[in-house]
Structures are given as structure tokens and as C-alpha cells.
Amino acid sequence: MIDYIAIRRNHLGKVRNCKVVPGESIAAQHRLLIADLAVMRKRERRRKRKARTKWWKLKEDGQEYIEKLVECIENKETRA
């Protein structure tokens, strides 16, 4: 008598091979059943990084922008 593997329908595609080991009985009328399953690890998703400010690419107006940015940061620090 061949036993069955209880498996969900969405996992049926993962079963690669299934066989009964002859001569090995677990209980009366039951045989050892071996199944090979393809199990894959979940991939980690890549985290999105914040875009870096490329200060070295700023042209002539870049110095003015940096000065305004420093002013804003200093104003926020004095308020806190």
C-alpha cells in the first residue's frame, strides 16, 4: 500500500521526486515514502538609498547654495 503526501496545491510545483523505499515498513500496511522538494530561500529586497548630494559637482552658484544651507542649519539650531 502506498501512502500519500499531504501538500498544498500551490506547493505542488516544488515536488521534484517521490518514491517508496521497498522493504522498510513503518507500521502494518505502511511503507516509508520519500519526497524531494525544491525549497528556496526568500531573497532580501535591496533597500533604496537616499540620493547623495554631490557637492563637488556644484558650479559657481554652488558656493552661494552652500552658504544658504549653512545659514538655515544654524537658524534651526538656535531655535531648538
PDB file of N, CA and C in Angstrom:
ATOM      1  N   MET A   1       0.848  -1.178   0.000  1.00  0.00           N
ATOM      2  CA  MET A   1       0.000   0.000   0.000  1.00  0.00           C
ATOM      3  C   MET A   1       0.894   1.242   0.000  1.00  0.00           C
ATOM      4  N   ILE A   2       0.575   2.201  -0.842  1.00  0.00           N
ATOM      5  CA  ILE A   2       1.353   3.433  -0.945  1.00  0.00           C
ATOM      6  C   ILE A   2       0.618   4.524  -0.184  1.00  0.00           C
ATOM      7  N   ASP A   3       1.360   5.211   0.671  1.00  0.00           N
ATOM      8  CA  ASP A   3       0.788   6.336   1.400  1.00  0.00           C
ATOM      9  C   ASP A   3       0.899   7.599   0.550  1.00  0.00           C
ATOM     10  N   TYR A   4       0.282   8.641   0.995  1.00  0.00           N
ATOM     11  CA  TYR A   4       0.256   9.890   0.246  1.00  0.00           C
ATOM     12  C   TYR A   4       0.905  10.997   1.054  1.00  0.00           C
ATOM     13  N   ILE A   5       1.380  11.985   0.339  1.00  0.00           N
ATOM     14  CA  ILE A   5       1.940  13.172   0.982  1.00  0.00           C
ATOM     15  C   ILE A   5       0.855  14.239   0.959  1.00  0.00           C
ATOM     16  N   ALA A   6       0.593  14.822   2.104  1.00  0.00           N
ATOM     17  CA  ALA A   6      -0.365  15.931   2.162  1.00  0.00           C
ATOM     18  C   ALA A   6       0.407  17.214   1.861  1.00  0.00           C
ATOM     19  N   ILE A   7       0.042  17.854   0.760  1.00  0.00           N
ATOM     20  CA  ILE A   7       0.730  19.069   0.350  1.00  0.00           C
ATOM     21  C   ILE A   7      -0.291  20.032  -0.250  1.00  0.00           C
ATOM     22  N   ARG A   8      -0.071  21.299  -0.050  1.00  0.00           N
ATOM     23  CA  ARG A   8      -0.990  22.305  -0.600  1.00  0.00           C
ATOM     24  C   ARG A   8      -0.815  22.411  -2.107  1.00  0.00           C
ATOM     25  N   ARG A   9      -1.882  22.769  -2.769  1.00  0.00           N
ATOM     26  CA  ARG A   9      -1.864  22.815  -4.230  1.00  0.00           C
ATOM     27  C   ARG A   9      -0.830  23.811  -4.750  1.00  0.00           C
ATOM     28  N   ASN A  10      -0.662  24.936  -4.082  1.00  0.00           N
ATOM     29  CA  ASN A  10       0.289  25.929  -4.572  1.00  0.00           C
ATOM     30  C   ASN A  10       1.743  25.478  -4.390  1.00  0.00           C
ATOM     31  N   HIS A  11       1.983  24.400  -3.625  1.00  0.00           N
ATOM     32  CA  HIS A  11       3.329  23.878  -3.429  1.00  0.00           C
ATOM     33  C   HIS A  11       3.608  22.650  -4.303  1.00  0.00           C
ATOM     34  N   LEU A  12       2.659  22.235  -5.110  1.00  0.00           N
ATOM     35  CA  LEU A  12       2.835  21.045  -5.936  1.00  0.00           C
ATOM     36  C   LEU A  12       4.014  21.174  -6.903  1.00  0.00           C
ATOM     37  N   GLY A  13       4.258  22.350  -7.387  1.00  0.00           N
ATOM     38  CA  GLY A  13       5.359  22.560  -8.318  1.00  0.00           C
ATOM     39  C   GLY A  13       6.723  22.362  -7.688  1.00  0.00           C
ATOM     40  N   LYS A  14       6.800  22.367  -6.379  1.00  0.00           N
ATOM     41  CA  LYS A  14       8.075  22.211  -5.684  1.00  0.00           C
ATOM     42  C   LYS A  14       8.460  20.745  -5.475  1.00  0.00           C
ATOM     43  N   VAL A  15       7.529  19.825  -5.695  1.00  0.00           N
ATOM     44  CA  VAL A  15       7.831  18.400  -5.532  1.00  0.00           C
ATOM     45  C   VAL A  15       8.609  17.942  -6.756  1.00  0.00           C
ATOM     46  N   ARG A  16       9.835  17.461  -6.548  1.00  0.00           N
ATOM     47  CA  ARG A  16      10.691  17.038  -7.647  1.00  0.00           C
ATOM     48  C   ARG A  16      10.633  15.528  -7.869  1.00  0.00           C
ATOM     49  N   ASN A  17      10.658  14.765  -6.801  1.00  0.00           N
ATOM     50  CA  ASN A  17      10.703  13.318  -6.928  1.00  0.00           C
ATOM     51  C   ASN A  17      10.002  12.722  -5.718  1.00  0.00           C
ATOM     52  N   CYS A  18       9.374  11.569  -5.908  1.00  0.00           N
ATOM     53  CA  CYS A  18       8.668  10.908  -4.823  1.00  0.00           C
ATOM     54  C   CYS A  18       8.812   9.397  -5.023  1.00  0.00           C
ATOM     55  N   LYS A  19       9.195   8.675  -3.960  1.00  0.00           N
ATOM     56  CA  LYS A  19       9.349   7.227  -4.112  1.00  0.00           C
ATOM     57  C   LYS A  19       9.109   6.529  -2.774  1.00  0.00           C
ATOM     58  N   VAL A  20       8.815   5.235  -2.859  1.00  0.00           N
ATOM     59  CA  VAL A  20       8.602   4.391  -1.678  1.00  0.00           C
ATOM     60  C   VAL A  20       9.834   3.511  -1.520  1.00  0.00           C
ATOM     61  N   VAL A  21      10.340   3.427  -0.303  1.00  0.00           N
ATOM     62  CA  VAL A  21      11.506   2.588  -0.039  1.00  0.00           C
ATOM     63  C   VAL A  21      11.017   1.156   0.173  1.00  0.00           C
ATOM     64  N   PRO A  22      11.411   0.237  -0.707  1.00  0.00           N
ATOM     65  CA  PRO A  22      10.931  -1.147  -0.570  1.00  0.00           C
ATOM     66  C   PRO A  22      11.569  -1.836   0.631  1.00  0.00           C
ATOM     67  N   GLY A  23      10.772  -2.651   1.308  1.00  0.00           N
ATOM     68  CA  GLY A  23      11.278  -3.433   2.431  1.00  0.00           C
ATOM     69  C   GLY A  23      11.268  -2.702   3.759  1.00  0.00           C
ATOM     70  N   GLU A  24      11.075  -1.404   3.754  1.00  0.00           N
ATOM     71  CA  GLU A  24      11.034  -0.642   5.004  1.00  0.00           C
ATOM     72  C   GLU A  24       9.578  -0.398   5.371  1.00  0.00           C
ATOM     73  N   SER A  25       9.130  -1.008   6.433  1.00  0.00           N
ATOM     74  CA  SER A  25       7.750  -0.775   6.860  1.00  0.00           C
ATOM     75  C   SER A  25       7.748  -0.042   8.189  1.00  0.00           C
ATOM     76  N   ILE A  26       6.926   0.942   8.277  1.00  0.00           N
ATOM     77  CA  ILE A  26       6.817   1.737   9.498  1.00  0.00           C
ATOM     78  C   ILE A  26       5.781   1.099  10.417  1.00  0.00           C
ATOM     79  N   ALA A  27       4.693   0.691   9.867  1.00  0.00           N
ATOM     80  CA  ALA A  27       3.640   0.003  10.605  1.00  0.00           C
ATOM     81  C   ALA A  27       3.002  -0.987   9.628  1.00  0.00           C
ATOM     82  N   ALA A  28       2.053  -1.740  10.087  1.00  0.00           N
ATOM     83  CA  ALA A  28       1.391  -2.699   9.205  1.00  0.00           C
ATOM     84  C   ALA A  28       0.756  -1.960   8.035  1.00  0.00           C
ATOM     85  N   GLN A  29       1.017  -2.378   6.837  1.00  0.00           N
ATOM     86  CA  GLN A  29       0.473  -1.850   5.589  1.00  0.00           C
ATOM     87  C   GLN A  29       0.942  -0.414   5.287  1.00  0.00           C
ATOM     88  N   HIS A  30       2.000   0.044   5.903  1.00  0.00           N
ATOM     89  CA  HIS A  30       2.520   1.383   5.622  1.00  0.00           C
ATOM     90  C   HIS A  30       3.994   1.274   5.251  1.00  0.00           C
ATOM     91  N   ARG A  31       4.390   1.943   4.201  1.00  0.00           N
ATOM     92  CA  ARG A  31       5.771   1.941   3.737  1.00  0.00           C
ATOM     93  C   ARG A  31       6.363   3.342   3.875  1.00  0.00           C
ATOM     94  N   LEU A  32       7.690   3.387   3.926  1.00  0.00           N
ATOM     95  CA  LEU A  32       8.387   4.662   4.039  1.00  0.00           C
ATOM     96  C   LEU A  32       8.339   5.378   2.696  1.00  0.00           C
ATOM     97  N   LEU A  33       7.836   6.592   2.692  1.00  0.00           N
ATOM     98  CA  LEU A  33       7.684   7.399   1.484  1.00  0.00           C
ATOM     99  C   LEU A  33       8.658   8.565   1.555  1.00  0.00           C
ATOM    100  N   ILE A  34       9.433   8.760   0.511  1.00  0.00           N
ATOM    101  CA  ILE A  34      10.424   9.838   0.474  1.00  0.00           C
ATOM    102  C   ILE A  34      10.078  10.771  -0.679  1.00  0.00           C
ATOM    103  N   ALA A  35      10.107  12.070  -0.401  1.00  0.00           N
ATOM    104  CA  ALA A  35       9.825  13.066  -1.433  1.00  0.00           C
ATOM    105  C   ALA A  35      10.926  14.117  -1.428  1.00  0.00           C
ATOM    106  N   ASP A  36      11.370  14.513  -2.611  1.00  0.00           N
ATOM    107  CA  ASP A  36      12.342  15.592  -2.767  1.00  0.00           C
ATOM    108  C   ASP A  36      11.582  16.866  -3.095  1.00  0.00           C
ATOM    109  N   LEU A  37      11.834  17.889  -2.307  1.00  0.00           N
ATOM    110  CA  LEU A  37      11.174  19.177  -2.510  1.00  0.00           C
ATOM    111  C   LEU A  37      12.217  20.228  -2.842  1.00  0.00           C
ATOM    112  N   ALA A  38      11.882  21.127  -3.732  1.00  0.00           N
ATOM    113  CA  ALA A  38      12.755  22.248  -4.068  1.00  0.00           C
ATOM    114  C   ALA A  38      12.352  23.431  -3.193  1.00  0.00           C
ATOM    115  N   VAL A  39      13.155  23.718  -2.198  1.00  0.00           N
ATOM    116  CA  VAL A  39      12.869  24.807  -1.272  1.00  0.00           C
ATOM    117  C   VAL A  39      13.881  25.911  -1.529  1.00  0.00           C
ATOM    118  N   MET A  40      13.373  27.124  -1.722  1.00  0.00           N
ATOM    119  CA  MET A  40      14.257  28.255  -1.985  1.00  0.00           C
ATOM    120  C   MET A  40      14.123  29.276  -0.872  1.00  0.00           C
ATOM    121  N   ARG A  41      15.249  29.918  -0.571  1.00  0.00           N
ATOM    122  CA  ARG A  41      15.222  30.986   0.415  1.00  0.00           C
ATOM    123  C   ARG A  41      14.614  32.239  -0.194  1.00  0.00           C
ATOM    124  N   LYS A  42      13.995  33.038   0.646  1.00  0.00           N
ATOM    125  CA  LYS A  42      13.474  34.314   0.176  1.00  0.00           C
ATOM    126  C   LYS A  42      14.642  35.270  -0.001  1.00  0.00           C
ATOM    127  N   ARG A  43      14.623  35.989  -1.094  1.00  0.00           N
ATOM    128  CA  ARG A  43      15.663  36.972  -1.332  1.00  0.00           C
ATOM    129  C   ARG A  43      15.362  38.235  -0.544  1.00  0.00           C
ATOM    130  N   GLU A  44      16.418  38.822  -0.035  1.00  0.00           N
ATOM    131  CA  GLU A  44      16.231  40.089   0.657  1.00  0.00           C
ATOM    132  C   GLU A  44      16.103  41.190  -0.385  1.00  0.00           C
ATOM    133  N   ARG A  45      15.166  42.040  -0.166  1.00  0.00           N
ATOM    134  CA  ARG A  45      14.975  43.147  -1.091  1.00  0.00           C
ATOM    135  C   ARG A  45      16.064  44.185  -0.870  1.00  0.00           C
ATOM    136  N   ARG A  46      16.507  44.755  -1.958  1.00  0.00           N
ATOM    137  CA  ARG A  46      17.513  45.800  -1.838  1.00  0.00           C
ATOM    138  C   ARG A  46      16.862  47.055  -1.296  1.00  0.00           C
ATOM    139  N   ARG A  47      17.525  47.656  -0.371  1.00  0.00           N
ATOM    140  CA  ARG A  47      16.994  48.877   0.221  1.00  0.00           C
ATOM    141  C   ARG A  47      17.349  50.061  -0.653  1.00  0.00           C
ATOM    142  N   LYS A  48      16.400  50.949  -0.787  1.00  0.00           N
ATOM    143  CA  LYS A  48      16.654  52.150  -1.560  1.00  0.00           C
ATOM    144  C   LYS A  48      17.427  53.136  -0.695  1.00  0.00           C
ATOM    145  N   ARG A  49      18.465  53.667  -1.250  1.00  0.00           N
ATOM    146  CA  ARG A  49      19.290  54.633  -0.525  1.00  0.00           C
ATOM    147  C   ARG A  49      18.890  56.047  -0.930  1.00  0.00           C
ATOM    148  N   LYS A  50      19.127  56.968  -0.021  1.00  0.00           N
ATOM    149  CA  LYS A  50      18.877  58.364  -0.343  1.00  0.00           C
ATOM    150  C   LYS A  50      19.930  58.829  -1.347  1.00  0.00           C
ATOM    151  N   ALA A  51      19.498  59.677  -2.228  1.00  0.00           N
ATOM    152  CA  ALA A  51      20.438  60.230  -3.202  1.00  0.00           C
ATOM    153  C   ALA A  51      21.417  61.154  -2.485  1.00  0.00           C
ATOM    154  N   ARG A  52      22.678  60.957  -2.764  1.00  0.00           N
ATOM    155  CA  ARG A  52      23.709  61.792  -2.140  1.00  0.00           C
ATOM    156  C   ARG A  52      23.790  63.131  -2.849  1.00  0.00           C
ATOM    157  N   THR A  53      24.049  64.181  -2.089  1.00  0.00           N
ATOM    158  CA  THR A  53      24.284  65.488  -2.682  1.00  0.00           C
ATOM    159  C   THR A  53      25.738  65.517  -3.130  1.00  0.00           C
ATOM    160  N   LYS A  54      25.947  65.743  -4.393  1.00  0.00           N
ATOM    161  CA  LYS A  54      27.300  65.719  -4.950  1.00  0.00           C
ATOM    162  C   LYS A  54      27.844  67.147  -4.941  1.00  0.00           C
ATOM    163  N   TRP A  55      28.422  67.499  -3.798  1.00  0.00           N
ATOM    164  CA  TRP A  55      28.892  68.865  -3.600  1.00  0.00           C
ATOM    165  C   TRP A  55      29.966  69.248  -4.608  1.00  0.00           C
ATOM    166  N   TRP A  56      30.794  68.317  -4.990  1.00  0.00           N
ATOM    167  CA  TRP A  56      31.901  68.621  -5.895  1.00  0.00           C
ATOM    168  C   TRP A  56      31.428  68.949  -7.312  1.00  0.00           C
ATOM    169  N   LYS A  57      30.170  68.625  -7.621  1.00  0.00           N
ATOM    170  CA  LYS A  57      29.658  68.903  -8.955  1.00  0.00           C
ATOM    171  C   LYS A  57      28.978  70.275  -9.053  1.00  0.00           C
ATOM    172  N   LEU A  58      28.818  70.952  -7.923  1.00  0.00           N
ATOM    173  CA  LEU A  58      28.196  72.269  -7.948  1.00  0.00           C
ATOM    174  C   LEU A  58      29.144  73.274  -8.600  1.00  0.00           C
ATOM    175  N   LYS A  59      28.606  74.111  -9.443  1.00  0.00           N
ATOM    176  CA  LYS A  59      29.423  75.086 -10.180  1.00  0.00           C
ATOM    177  C   LYS A  59      29.513  76.381  -9.375  1.00  0.00           C
ATOM    178  N   GLU A  60      29.523  77.509 -10.064  1.00  0.00           N
ATOM    179  CA  GLU A  60      29.698  78.820  -9.439  1.00  0.00           C
ATOM    180  C   GLU A  60      28.604  79.115  -8.419  1.00  0.00           C
ATOM    181  N   ASP A  61      27.353  78.783  -8.733  1.00  0.00           N
ATOM    182  CA  ASP A  61      26.247  79.055  -7.823  1.00  0.00           C
ATOM    183  C   ASP A  61      26.293  78.123  -6.619  1.00  0.00           C
ATOM    184  N   GLY A  62      27.114  77.138  -6.691  1.00  0.00           N
ATOM    185  CA  GLY A  62      27.195  76.149  -5.619  1.00  0.00           C
ATOM    186  C   GLY A  62      27.645  76.745  -4.304  1.00  0.00           C
ATOM    187  N   GLN A  63      28.566  77.670  -4.350  1.00  0.00           N
ATOM    188  CA  GLN A  63      29.064  78.287  -3.122  1.00  0.00           C
ATOM    189  C   GLN A  63      27.955  79.076  -2.430  1.00  0.00           C
ATOM    190  N   GLU A  64      27.139  79.769  -3.207  1.00  0.00           N
ATOM    191  CA  GLU A  64      26.009  80.509  -2.627  1.00  0.00           C
ATOM    192  C   GLU A  64      25.018  79.538  -1.985  1.00  0.00           C
ATOM    193  N   TYR A  65      24.767  78.434  -2.660  1.00  0.00           N
ATOM    194  CA  TYR A  65      23.846  77.429  -2.131  1.00  0.00           C
ATOM    195  C   TYR A  65      24.361  76.864  -0.805  1.00  0.00           C
ATOM    196  N   ILE A  66      25.631  76.586  -0.749  1.00  0.00           N
ATOM    197  CA  ILE A  66      26.224  76.034   0.479  1.00  0.00           C
ATOM    198  C   ILE A  66      26.097  77.039   1.618  1.00  0.00           C
ATOM    199  N   GLU A  67      26.342  78.330   1.329  1.00  0.00           N
ATOM    200  CA  GLU A  67      26.240  79.364   2.365  1.00  0.00           C
ATOM    201  C   GLU A  67      24.813  79.481   2.886  1.00  0.00           C
ATOM    202  N   LYS A  68      23.814  79.431   1.982  1.00  0.00           N
ATOM    203  CA  LYS A  68      22.411  79.493   2.405  1.00  0.00           C
ATOM    204  C   LYS A  68      22.043  78.274   3.249  1.00  0.00           C
ATOM    205  N   LEU A  69      22.543  77.130   2.852  1.00  0.00           N
ATOM    206  CA  LEU A  69      22.272  75.905   3.587  1.00  0.00           C
ATOM    207  C   LEU A  69      22.854  75.968   4.995  1.00  0.00           C
ATOM    208  N   VAL A  70      24.052  76.471   5.115  1.00  0.00           N
ATOM    209  CA  VAL A  70      24.696  76.616   6.434  1.00  0.00           C
ATOM    210  C   VAL A  70      23.898  77.586   7.292  1.00  0.00           C
ATOM    211  N   GLU A  71      23.411  78.675   6.696  1.00  0.00           N
ATOM    212  CA  GLU A  71      22.589  79.641   7.435  1.00  0.00           C
ATOM    213  C   GLU A  71      21.317  78.990   7.972  1.00  0.00           C
ATOM    214  N   CYS A  72      20.643  78.216   7.130  1.00  0.00           N
ATOM    215  CA  CYS A  72      19.405  77.549   7.553  1.00  0.00           C
ATOM    216  C   CYS A  72      19.670  76.585   8.703  1.00  0.00           C
ATOM    217  N   ILE A  73      20.754  75.838   8.603  1.00  0.00           N
ATOM    218  CA  ILE A  73      21.086  74.880   9.661  1.00  0.00           C
ATOM    219  C   ILE A  73      21.386  75.610  10.965  1.00  0.00           C
ATOM    220  N   GLU A  74      22.125  76.704  10.880  1.00  0.00           N
ATOM    221  CA  GLU A  74      22.439  77.475  12.087  1.00  0.00           C
ATOM    222  C   GLU A  74      21.184  78.080  12.704  1.00  0.00           C
ATOM    223  N   ASN A  75      20.239  78.559  11.872  1.00  0.00           N
ATOM    224  CA  ASN A  75      18.989  79.127  12.374  1.00  0.00           C
ATOM    225  C   ASN A  75      18.161  78.068  13.083  1.00  0.00           C
ATOM    226  N   LYS A  76      18.119  76.873  12.554  1.00  0.00           N
ATOM    227  CA  LYS A  76      17.355  75.792  13.186  1.00  0.00           C
ATOM    228  C   LYS A  76      17.978  75.416  14.533  1.00  0.00           C
ATOM    229  N   GLU A  77      19.301  75.425  14.609  1.00  0.00           N
ATOM    230  CA  GLU A  77      19.979  75.063  15.858  1.00  0.00           C
ATOM    231  C   GLU A  77      19.734  76.105  16.940  1.00  0.00           C
ATOM    232  N   THR A  78      19.676  77.385  16.559  1.00  0.00           N
ATOM    233  CA  THR A  78      19.451  78.439  17.544  1.00  0.00           C
ATOM    234  C   THR A  78      18.009  78.423  18.046  1.00  0.00           C
ATOM    235  N   ARG A  79      17.065  78.011  17.210  1.00  0.00           N
ATOM    236  CA  ARG A  79      15.652  77.919  17.632  1.00  0.00           C
ATOM    237  C   ARG A  79      15.418  76.770  18.597  1.00  0.00           C
ATOM    238  N   ALA A  80      16.127  75.695  18.440  1.00  0.00           N
ATOM    239  CA  ALA A  80      15.894  74.495  19.249  1.00  0.00           C
ATOM    240  C   ALA A  80      16.405  74.607  20.649  1.00  0.00           C
TER     241      ALA A  80
END
